[in-house]
Amino acid sequence: RPALLALAALLASVLTTSAGAEDDAAAGGLSDTSEAVAAAAADEHTLAETALAAEEVRLTDEERKTLFTAEGLERVQRVALEYKDAAQLAEALPLYKLALVVALKLYGSSNAATATCLNNLAGMQYVMGQYETSVELYRESAKMYGRMGADEKDVGYISTLHNLAFSSQAAGDLRRAIPLYQDVIRLWKQAVGPKHIAFATSMLNLAVAHHELGEHKEALKRGKEALKLFEALDADTAGALGVVGAAQVGVGDSAAAIAAFERRVEVRRAVAEAAGEGSPEQLTLLHDLEELSQLRLSLQYELQAADDAGDVDDAFAEKLIVEVSEAAKLRKGLLLRAEDDEQRTAAWANVMVQLLHPDGILLRPAALPPGEEAQPLLLDDGGESPNEAMDSATAA
């Protein structure tokens, strides 16, 4: 494996240099055009043989023979995924580049296997936060599918367009992402029908994009559609409930938002209990509880301002105390020690003090540091079907 990594680094370095000669502005040497990538890879086999002959990279005889074969490509992809899953991104990235080089040599630039390797590299760039590079790579992959004559029911093509929209959204280009999602939803409906997790996921991502753009009414409409789809599929509804709740806050319906966030907490609580103490699912539940409690406080402030009354509603206080107590218990179990979490703990202690104020008057607490926000799902781009082997790095 160290030898394979060394060879990957060597090939990726030359690929970057060659592609950069085609376009000095190309980020990472891989985001200009697939034609430039193919040209850069033209002499990679000779380069590899030269490097191996000079023993600059040590591989077994079998590894030397099989690198530029279907079996060799499968091995490079498998090792790359292992590193990615282990969060060793610096090791994974050159392997994904190497896989693209091998695929280009084996299959050319108009082949589904090459498009998959390009998608995998794009997904890796996304995980590393290189959203604009990810956008360019997904765009080139979509062009590959076009050259292959992919029709509008090709799952690989539709997944690539979904990921292009997703990366554009992450890069802040919402005006480009929204029409892409609209096209993807239409294509999923034709290819797999409306009662499919891929269709529901793209609908939910469209709702998120509208919300991020400040179009809360449209976000609420799309979010409710997505929620119904997830419910009909008996799938996890937590993400959709969060989007619906956020959109309801945006349109000024705090009471409805609280109801949505309460449902989300119920869903996440069941998952967290099954996952056990100290799990990432419990951290997600903690953030959801804090968001719900903060929203509940905000609504109470609005009611107090409207009624000019200082009394704390008993039901409100009871629910808030239960939520804050549960959050405190989770926080203790997770043993959070970061400065950010100390600030959040102090803020919630302030909330408890206010609930016990002798005059029964709620004062606005210190602002809480933002918790983790759930992100839209990113469909895996290398599988046979859009709901197989979903990329572990993106979650909703």
Protein backbone atom coordinates (compact mmCIF):
# COMPACT_ATOMS: atom_id res chain seq x y z
CA ARG A 1 0.00 0.00 0.00
CA PRO A 2 2.81 2.57 0.68
CA ALA A 3 4.19 1.83 -2.77
CA LEU A 4 0.78 2.30 -4.34
CA LEU A 5 0.42 5.63 -2.55
CA ALA A 6 3.83 6.73 -3.79
CA LEU A 7 2.96 5.85 -7.37
CA ALA A 8 -0.37 7.64 -7.02
CA ALA A 9 1.37 10.77 -5.82
CA LEU A 10 3.86 10.61 -8.71
CA LEU A 11 1.21 10.14 -11.37
CA ALA A 12 -1.11 12.74 -9.86
CA SER A 13 1.75 15.25 -9.76
CA VAL A 14 2.55 14.77 -13.44
CA LEU A 15 -1.15 14.82 -14.32
CA THR A 16 -1.51 18.13 -12.50
CA THR A 17 1.50 19.59 -14.30
CA SER A 18 0.38 18.42 -17.73
CA ALA A 19 -3.17 19.63 -17.35
CA GLY A 20 -1.92 22.92 -15.95
CA ALA A 21 0.02 23.46 -19.18
CA GLU A 22 -3.28 23.34 -21.01
CA ASP A 23 -4.81 25.94 -18.73
CA ASP A 24 -2.78 27.70 -16.05
CA ALA A 25 -5.97 28.76 -14.33
CA ALA A 26 -7.23 25.20 -13.86
CA ALA A 27 -7.64 24.45 -10.16
CA GLY A 28 -5.61 21.38 -9.28
CA GLY A 29 -4.98 20.67 -12.96
CA LEU A 30 -8.16 18.63 -13.14
CA SER A 31 -10.95 21.16 -13.44
CA ASP A 32 -10.53 22.54 -16.94
CA THR A 33 -11.85 19.99 -19.44
CA SER A 34 -11.98 16.23 -19.67
CA GLU A 35 -10.14 16.48 -22.99
CA ALA A 36 -7.19 18.12 -21.26
CA VAL A 37 -7.27 15.42 -18.61
CA ALA A 38 -7.24 12.75 -21.28
CA ALA A 39 -4.31 14.43 -23.04
CA ALA A 40 -2.42 14.68 -19.78
CA ALA A 41 -2.92 10.96 -19.20
CA ALA A 42 -1.76 9.91 -22.68
CA ASP A 43 1.75 8.93 -21.59
CA GLU A 44 0.95 7.81 -18.05
CA HIS A 45 1.55 4.13 -18.76
CA THR A 46 5.07 4.85 -20.02
CA LEU A 47 5.70 7.11 -17.03
CA ALA A 48 4.62 4.37 -14.63
CA GLU A 49 6.84 1.75 -16.28
CA THR A 50 9.82 4.15 -16.17
CA ALA A 51 9.26 4.91 -12.50
CA LEU A 52 8.96 1.24 -11.66
CA ALA A 53 12.01 0.27 -13.69
CA ALA A 54 14.07 2.87 -11.85
CA GLU A 55 12.71 1.46 -8.59
CA GLU A 56 11.50 4.89 -7.58
CA VAL A 57 8.35 3.08 -6.52
CA ARG A 58 8.43 -0.46 -5.16
CA LEU A 59 5.57 -2.73 -6.19
CA THR A 60 5.32 -6.48 -6.41
CA ASP A 61 5.64 -8.07 -9.83
CA GLU A 62 1.92 -8.81 -9.77
CA GLU A 63 1.07 -5.20 -8.90
CA ARG A 64 3.26 -4.00 -11.77
CA LYS A 65 1.43 -6.24 -14.20
CA THR A 66 -2.08 -5.48 -13.04
CA LEU A 67 -2.06 -1.74 -12.31
CA PHE A 68 -3.43 -0.77 -15.72
CA THR A 69 -6.10 -3.47 -15.77
CA ALA A 70 -9.71 -3.62 -14.61
CA GLU A 71 -8.52 -5.48 -11.50
CA GLY A 72 -5.89 -2.84 -10.83
CA LEU A 73 -8.45 -0.06 -11.19
CA GLU A 74 -10.80 -1.84 -8.77
CA ARG A 75 -7.97 -2.17 -6.23
CA VAL A 76 -7.02 1.51 -6.45
CA GLN A 77 -10.65 2.52 -5.97
CA ARG A 78 -11.09 0.16 -3.02
CA VAL A 79 -7.98 1.44 -1.23
CA ALA A 80 -8.99 5.04 -1.92
CA LEU A 81 -12.40 4.42 -0.35
CA GLU A 82 -10.77 2.80 2.69
CA TYR A 83 -8.65 5.90 3.25
CA LYS A 84 -11.63 8.16 2.71
CA ASP A 85 -13.77 6.23 5.18
CA ALA A 86 -10.92 6.47 7.70
CA ALA A 87 -10.84 10.28 7.16
CA GLN A 88 -7.29 10.05 5.77
CA LEU A 89 -8.13 12.46 2.99
CA ALA A 90 -4.57 13.40 2.06
CA GLU A 91 -3.91 9.74 1.21
CA ALA A 92 -7.26 9.23 -0.52
CA LEU A 93 -7.09 12.17 -2.94
CA PRO A 94 -4.06 11.05 -5.02
CA LEU A 95 -5.54 7.56 -5.24
CA TYR A 96 -8.76 8.93 -6.70
CA LYS A 97 -6.64 10.86 -9.21
CA LEU A 98 -4.71 7.69 -10.01
CA ALA A 99 -7.98 5.81 -10.57
CA LEU A 100 -9.00 8.45 -13.09
CA VAL A 101 -5.67 8.09 -14.90
CA VAL A 102 -6.02 4.31 -15.06
CA ALA A 103 -9.63 4.54 -16.28
CA LEU A 104 -8.69 7.03 -18.99
CA LYS A 105 -5.93 4.71 -20.18
CA LEU A 106 -8.17 1.64 -20.12
CA TYR A 107 -11.46 3.04 -21.39
CA GLY A 108 -10.95 6.54 -22.78
CA SER A 109 -12.91 9.68 -21.99
CA SER A 110 -16.33 8.48 -23.19
CA ASN A 111 -16.98 5.55 -20.91
CA ALA A 112 -19.19 5.00 -17.87
CA ALA A 113 -16.29 3.63 -15.78
CA THR A 114 -14.25 6.76 -16.48
CA ALA A 115 -17.22 8.96 -15.63
CA THR A 116 -17.59 7.09 -12.34
CA CYS A 117 -13.93 7.71 -11.49
CA LEU A 118 -14.35 11.37 -12.34
CA ASN A 119 -17.45 11.50 -10.13
CA ASN A 120 -15.54 9.85 -7.28
CA LEU A 121 -12.78 12.43 -7.58
CA ALA A 122 -15.40 15.20 -7.63
CA GLY A 123 -16.97 13.77 -4.50
CA MET A 124 -13.56 13.66 -2.82
CA GLN A 125 -13.00 17.33 -3.66
CA TYR A 126 -16.40 18.09 -2.15
CA VAL A 127 -15.52 16.29 1.08
CA MET A 128 -12.32 18.36 1.27
CA GLY A 129 -14.31 21.58 0.89
CA GLN A 130 -13.12 22.31 -2.66
CA TYR A 131 -16.64 23.01 -3.88
CA GLU A 132 -15.80 24.95 -7.03
CA THR A 133 -13.41 22.23 -8.18
CA SER A 134 -16.10 19.67 -7.42
CA VAL A 135 -18.55 21.63 -9.58
CA GLU A 136 -16.14 21.64 -12.52
CA LEU A 137 -15.48 17.92 -12.26
CA TYR A 138 -19.17 17.02 -12.07
CA ARG A 139 -19.82 19.28 -15.03
CA GLU A 140 -17.17 17.42 -17.05
CA SER A 141 -18.68 14.10 -15.99
CA ALA A 142 -22.08 15.26 -17.26
CA LYS A 143 -20.43 16.09 -20.59
CA MET A 144 -18.95 12.59 -20.67
CA TYR A 145 -22.42 11.10 -20.31
CA GLY A 146 -23.56 13.37 -23.13
CA ARG A 147 -20.81 12.07 -25.42
CA MET A 148 -21.82 8.53 -24.51
CA GLY A 149 -25.37 9.27 -25.65
CA ALA A 150 -26.91 8.82 -22.20
CA ASP A 151 -30.67 9.30 -22.26
CA GLU A 152 -32.81 11.06 -19.67
CA LYS A 153 -33.45 7.81 -17.80
CA ASP A 154 -29.77 7.00 -17.24
CA VAL A 155 -29.34 6.78 -13.46
CA GLY A 156 -25.63 7.61 -13.60
CA TYR A 157 -26.31 10.73 -15.63
CA ILE A 158 -29.13 11.90 -13.33
CA SER A 159 -27.02 11.25 -10.21
CA THR A 160 -24.22 13.31 -11.72
CA LEU A 161 -26.60 16.21 -12.36
CA HIS A 162 -27.88 15.91 -8.77
CA ASN A 163 -24.33 16.08 -7.45
CA LEU A 164 -23.57 19.02 -9.74
CA ALA A 165 -26.54 20.85 -8.23
CA PHE A 166 -25.47 19.85 -4.72
CA SER A 167 -21.90 21.09 -5.22
CA SER A 168 -23.14 24.32 -6.82
CA GLN A 169 -25.35 24.83 -3.77
CA ALA A 170 -22.40 24.27 -1.44
CA ALA A 171 -20.33 26.73 -3.48
CA GLY A 172 -23.06 29.35 -2.92
CA ASP A 173 -24.31 29.38 -6.51
CA LEU A 174 -27.99 28.93 -5.64
CA ARG A 175 -29.24 30.49 -8.87
CA ARG A 176 -27.55 27.67 -10.76
CA ALA A 177 -28.41 24.95 -8.26
CA ILE A 178 -32.19 25.54 -8.21
CA PRO A 179 -32.89 25.00 -11.94
CA LEU A 180 -30.56 21.99 -11.87
CA TYR A 181 -32.56 20.44 -9.03
CA GLN A 182 -35.76 21.15 -10.94
CA ASP A 183 -34.38 19.28 -13.96
CA VAL A 184 -33.15 16.43 -11.77
CA ILE A 185 -36.58 16.05 -10.12
CA ARG A 186 -38.21 15.84 -13.56
CA LEU A 187 -35.64 13.23 -14.68
CA TRP A 188 -35.98 11.13 -11.50
CA LYS A 189 -39.75 11.08 -11.99
CA GLN A 190 -39.26 9.66 -15.48
CA ALA A 191 -36.51 7.21 -14.51
CA VAL A 192 -37.57 5.81 -11.12
CA GLY A 193 -40.96 7.36 -10.40
CA PRO A 194 -42.02 9.74 -7.62
CA LYS A 195 -42.10 7.06 -4.92
CA HIS A 196 -38.33 6.71 -4.68
CA ILE A 197 -35.77 7.94 -2.18
CA ALA A 198 -33.73 9.64 -4.93
CA PHE A 199 -36.75 11.70 -6.04
CA ALA A 200 -37.52 12.64 -2.41
CA THR A 201 -33.89 13.59 -1.72
CA SER A 202 -33.64 15.93 -4.69
CA MET A 203 -36.98 17.51 -3.74
CA LEU A 204 -35.67 18.11 -0.20
CA ASN A 205 -32.44 19.63 -1.50
CA LEU A 206 -34.48 21.96 -3.72
CA ALA A 207 -36.39 23.09 -0.63
CA VAL A 208 -33.11 23.77 1.18
CA ALA A 209 -31.81 25.81 -1.75
CA HIS A 210 -34.97 27.96 -1.80
CA HIS A 211 -34.66 28.48 1.96
CA GLU A 212 -31.02 29.52 1.67
CA LEU A 213 -32.02 31.99 -1.03
CA GLY A 214 -34.67 33.48 1.28
CA GLU A 215 -37.59 32.10 -0.72
CA HIS A 216 -39.30 30.67 2.35
CA LYS A 217 -42.79 30.12 0.91
CA GLU A 218 -41.40 28.03 -1.93
CA ALA A 219 -39.10 26.25 0.51
CA LEU A 220 -42.06 25.37 2.71
CA LYS A 221 -44.04 24.06 -0.25
CA ARG A 222 -41.19 21.86 -1.49
CA GLY A 223 -40.25 20.81 2.04
CA LYS A 224 -43.78 19.59 2.75
CA GLU A 225 -43.79 17.66 -0.53
CA ALA A 226 -40.49 16.03 0.42
CA LEU A 227 -41.75 15.21 3.93
CA LYS A 228 -44.79 13.40 2.51
CA LEU A 229 -42.51 11.41 0.23
CA PHE A 230 -40.20 10.35 3.06
CA GLU A 231 -43.20 9.39 5.19
CA ALA A 232 -44.68 7.32 2.36
CA LEU A 233 -41.34 5.56 1.92
CA ASP A 234 -41.06 4.91 5.68
CA ALA A 235 -37.68 6.65 5.52
CA ASP A 236 -35.94 8.96 8.00
CA THR A 237 -38.02 12.14 8.19
CA ALA A 238 -35.74 14.15 10.50
CA GLY A 239 -34.06 16.11 7.72
CA ALA A 240 -37.35 16.99 6.03
CA LEU A 241 -38.90 18.05 9.34
CA GLY A 242 -35.94 20.33 9.97
CA VAL A 243 -36.31 21.97 6.57
CA VAL A 244 -40.08 22.41 7.03
CA GLY A 245 -39.53 23.89 10.49
CA ALA A 246 -36.88 26.30 9.25
CA ALA A 247 -39.12 27.41 6.37
CA GLN A 248 -42.01 27.98 8.79
CA VAL A 249 -39.75 30.20 10.88
CA GLY A 250 -38.94 32.06 7.66
CA VAL A 251 -42.61 32.73 6.89
CA GLY A 252 -43.23 33.82 10.49
CA ASP A 253 -45.16 30.80 11.76
CA SER A 254 -43.18 30.01 14.93
CA ALA A 255 -45.89 27.80 16.45
CA ALA A 256 -45.95 25.50 13.40
CA ALA A 257 -42.15 25.50 13.36
CA ILE A 258 -42.07 24.33 16.97
CA ALA A 259 -44.43 21.48 16.12
CA ALA A 260 -42.13 20.40 13.27
CA PHE A 261 -39.01 20.61 15.43
CA GLU A 262 -40.75 18.63 18.20
CA ARG A 263 -41.43 15.86 15.71
CA ARG A 264 -37.81 16.00 14.56
CA VAL A 265 -36.59 15.60 18.16
CA GLU A 266 -38.85 12.55 18.58
CA VAL A 267 -37.35 10.94 15.48
CA ARG A 268 -33.79 11.78 16.45
CA ARG A 269 -34.33 10.64 20.06
CA ALA A 270 -35.31 7.14 18.89
CA VAL A 271 -32.22 6.95 16.68
CA ALA A 272 -29.93 8.27 19.42
CA GLU A 273 -31.24 5.80 21.99
CA ALA A 274 -30.59 2.93 19.59
CA ALA A 275 -27.08 4.23 18.83
CA GLY A 276 -26.09 4.41 22.50
CA GLU A 277 -24.27 6.84 24.77
CA GLY A 278 -21.55 8.98 23.27
CA SER A 279 -22.63 8.34 19.67
CA PRO A 280 -22.70 11.01 16.92
CA GLU A 281 -26.48 10.52 16.85
CA GLN A 282 -26.66 11.78 20.43
CA LEU A 283 -24.69 14.90 19.48
CA THR A 284 -27.18 15.55 16.67
CA LEU A 285 -30.06 15.12 19.12
CA LEU A 286 -28.38 17.57 21.51
CA HIS A 287 -28.18 20.24 18.82
CA ASP A 288 -31.81 19.62 17.83
CA LEU A 289 -32.96 19.99 21.44
CA GLU A 290 -31.07 23.26 21.80
CA GLU A 291 -32.52 24.61 18.56
CA LEU A 292 -36.05 23.65 19.64
CA SER A 293 -35.63 25.24 23.08
CA GLN A 294 -34.23 28.43 21.63
CA LEU A 295 -37.16 28.66 19.21
CA ARG A 296 -39.59 28.04 22.05
CA LEU A 297 -38.00 30.92 23.99
CA SER A 298 -38.22 33.21 20.96
CA LEU A 299 -41.93 32.47 20.58
CA GLN A 300 -42.51 33.23 24.27
CA TYR A 301 -40.74 36.58 23.87
CA GLU A 302 -43.04 37.41 20.95
CA LEU A 303 -46.13 36.52 23.00
CA GLN A 304 -44.92 38.55 25.97
CA ALA A 305 -44.25 41.57 23.76
CA ALA A 306 -47.69 41.27 22.16
CA ASP A 307 -49.61 40.79 25.42
CA ASP A 308 -47.38 42.97 27.58
CA ALA A 309 -47.48 40.18 30.17
CA GLY A 310 -44.65 38.84 32.26
CA ASP A 311 -46.03 35.53 33.49
CA VAL A 312 -44.43 32.37 32.18
CA ASP A 313 -46.95 29.86 30.84
CA ASP A 314 -46.77 26.69 32.95
CA ALA A 315 -46.90 24.33 29.96
CA PHE A 316 -44.21 26.33 28.20
CA ALA A 317 -41.95 26.30 31.25
CA GLU A 318 -42.46 22.58 31.79
CA LYS A 319 -41.56 21.68 28.21
CA LEU A 320 -38.54 23.94 28.23
CA ILE A 321 -37.25 22.54 31.51
CA VAL A 322 -37.62 18.98 30.19
CA GLU A 323 -35.75 19.85 26.98
CA VAL A 324 -32.94 21.71 28.74
CA SER A 325 -32.58 18.92 31.30
CA GLU A 326 -32.37 16.30 28.55
CA ALA A 327 -29.78 18.42 26.73
CA ALA A 328 -27.73 18.74 29.93
CA LYS A 329 -27.80 14.97 30.43
CA LEU A 330 -26.69 14.38 26.84
CA ARG A 331 -23.94 16.94 27.20
CA LYS A 332 -22.64 15.19 30.32
CA GLY A 333 -22.70 11.82 28.57
CA LEU A 334 -20.84 13.22 25.56
CA LEU A 335 -18.20 14.82 27.82
CA LEU A 336 -17.99 17.92 25.67
CA ARG A 337 -15.10 20.14 26.67
CA ALA A 338 -14.52 22.55 23.79
CA GLU A 339 -14.74 26.28 24.47
CA ASP A 340 -17.74 26.51 22.16
CA ASP A 341 -19.60 23.90 24.21
CA GLU A 342 -18.71 25.61 27.49
CA GLN A 343 -20.34 28.76 26.12
CA ARG A 344 -23.43 26.78 25.13
CA THR A 345 -23.61 25.18 28.58
CA ALA A 346 -23.38 28.59 30.24
CA ALA A 347 -26.12 29.95 28.01
CA TRP A 348 -28.47 27.10 28.91
CA ALA A 349 -27.70 27.55 32.60
CA ASN A 350 -28.81 31.14 32.09
CA VAL A 351 -32.07 29.87 30.61
CA MET A 352 -32.72 27.74 33.70
CA VAL A 353 -32.06 30.70 35.99
CA GLN A 354 -34.54 32.81 34.03
CA LEU A 355 -37.24 30.15 34.39
CA LEU A 356 -36.82 30.40 38.14
CA HIS A 357 -36.88 34.22 38.21
CA PRO A 358 -38.98 35.29 41.22
CA ASP A 359 -41.03 37.66 39.09
CA GLY A 360 -41.68 35.02 36.43
CA ILE A 361 -40.28 37.28 33.71
CA LEU A 362 -38.23 35.84 30.88
CA LEU A 363 -35.21 37.86 29.85
CA ARG A 364 -33.48 37.12 26.57
CA PRO A 365 -30.40 34.94 27.24
CA ALA A 366 -27.01 35.30 25.66
CA ALA A 367 -26.98 34.16 22.05
CA LEU A 368 -26.06 30.53 21.61
CA PRO A 369 -23.20 29.56 19.30
CA PRO A 370 -24.72 27.85 16.26
CA GLY A 371 -24.91 24.08 16.35
CA GLU A 372 -24.23 21.71 13.49
CA GLU A 373 -26.70 22.06 10.67
CA ALA A 374 -28.00 19.04 8.85
CA GLN A 375 -26.89 18.98 5.24
CA PRO A 376 -28.78 17.63 2.24
CA LEU A 377 -27.97 14.13 1.13
CA LEU A 378 -25.35 13.66 -1.55
CA LEU A 379 -26.22 10.69 -3.71
CA ASP A 380 -23.45 8.25 -4.45
CA ASP A 381 -22.31 8.55 -8.04
CA GLY A 382 -20.58 5.25 -8.55
CA GLY A 383 -23.30 2.69 -7.92
CA GLU A 384 -25.72 0.89 -10.13
CA SER A 385 -28.70 2.51 -8.48
CA PRO A 386 -29.16 5.89 -6.78
CA ASN A 387 -29.90 4.35 -3.38
CA GLU A 388 -27.04 1.84 -3.31
CA ALA A 389 -23.81 2.49 -1.41
CA MET A 390 -24.58 6.08 -0.48
CA ASP A 391 -21.44 8.13 0.10
CA SER A 392 -20.62 7.96 3.82
CA ALA A 393 -19.23 11.44 3.91
CA THR A 394 -22.47 13.31 3.35
CA ALA A 395 -25.51 13.03 5.52
CA ALA A 396 -28.69 14.62 6.09
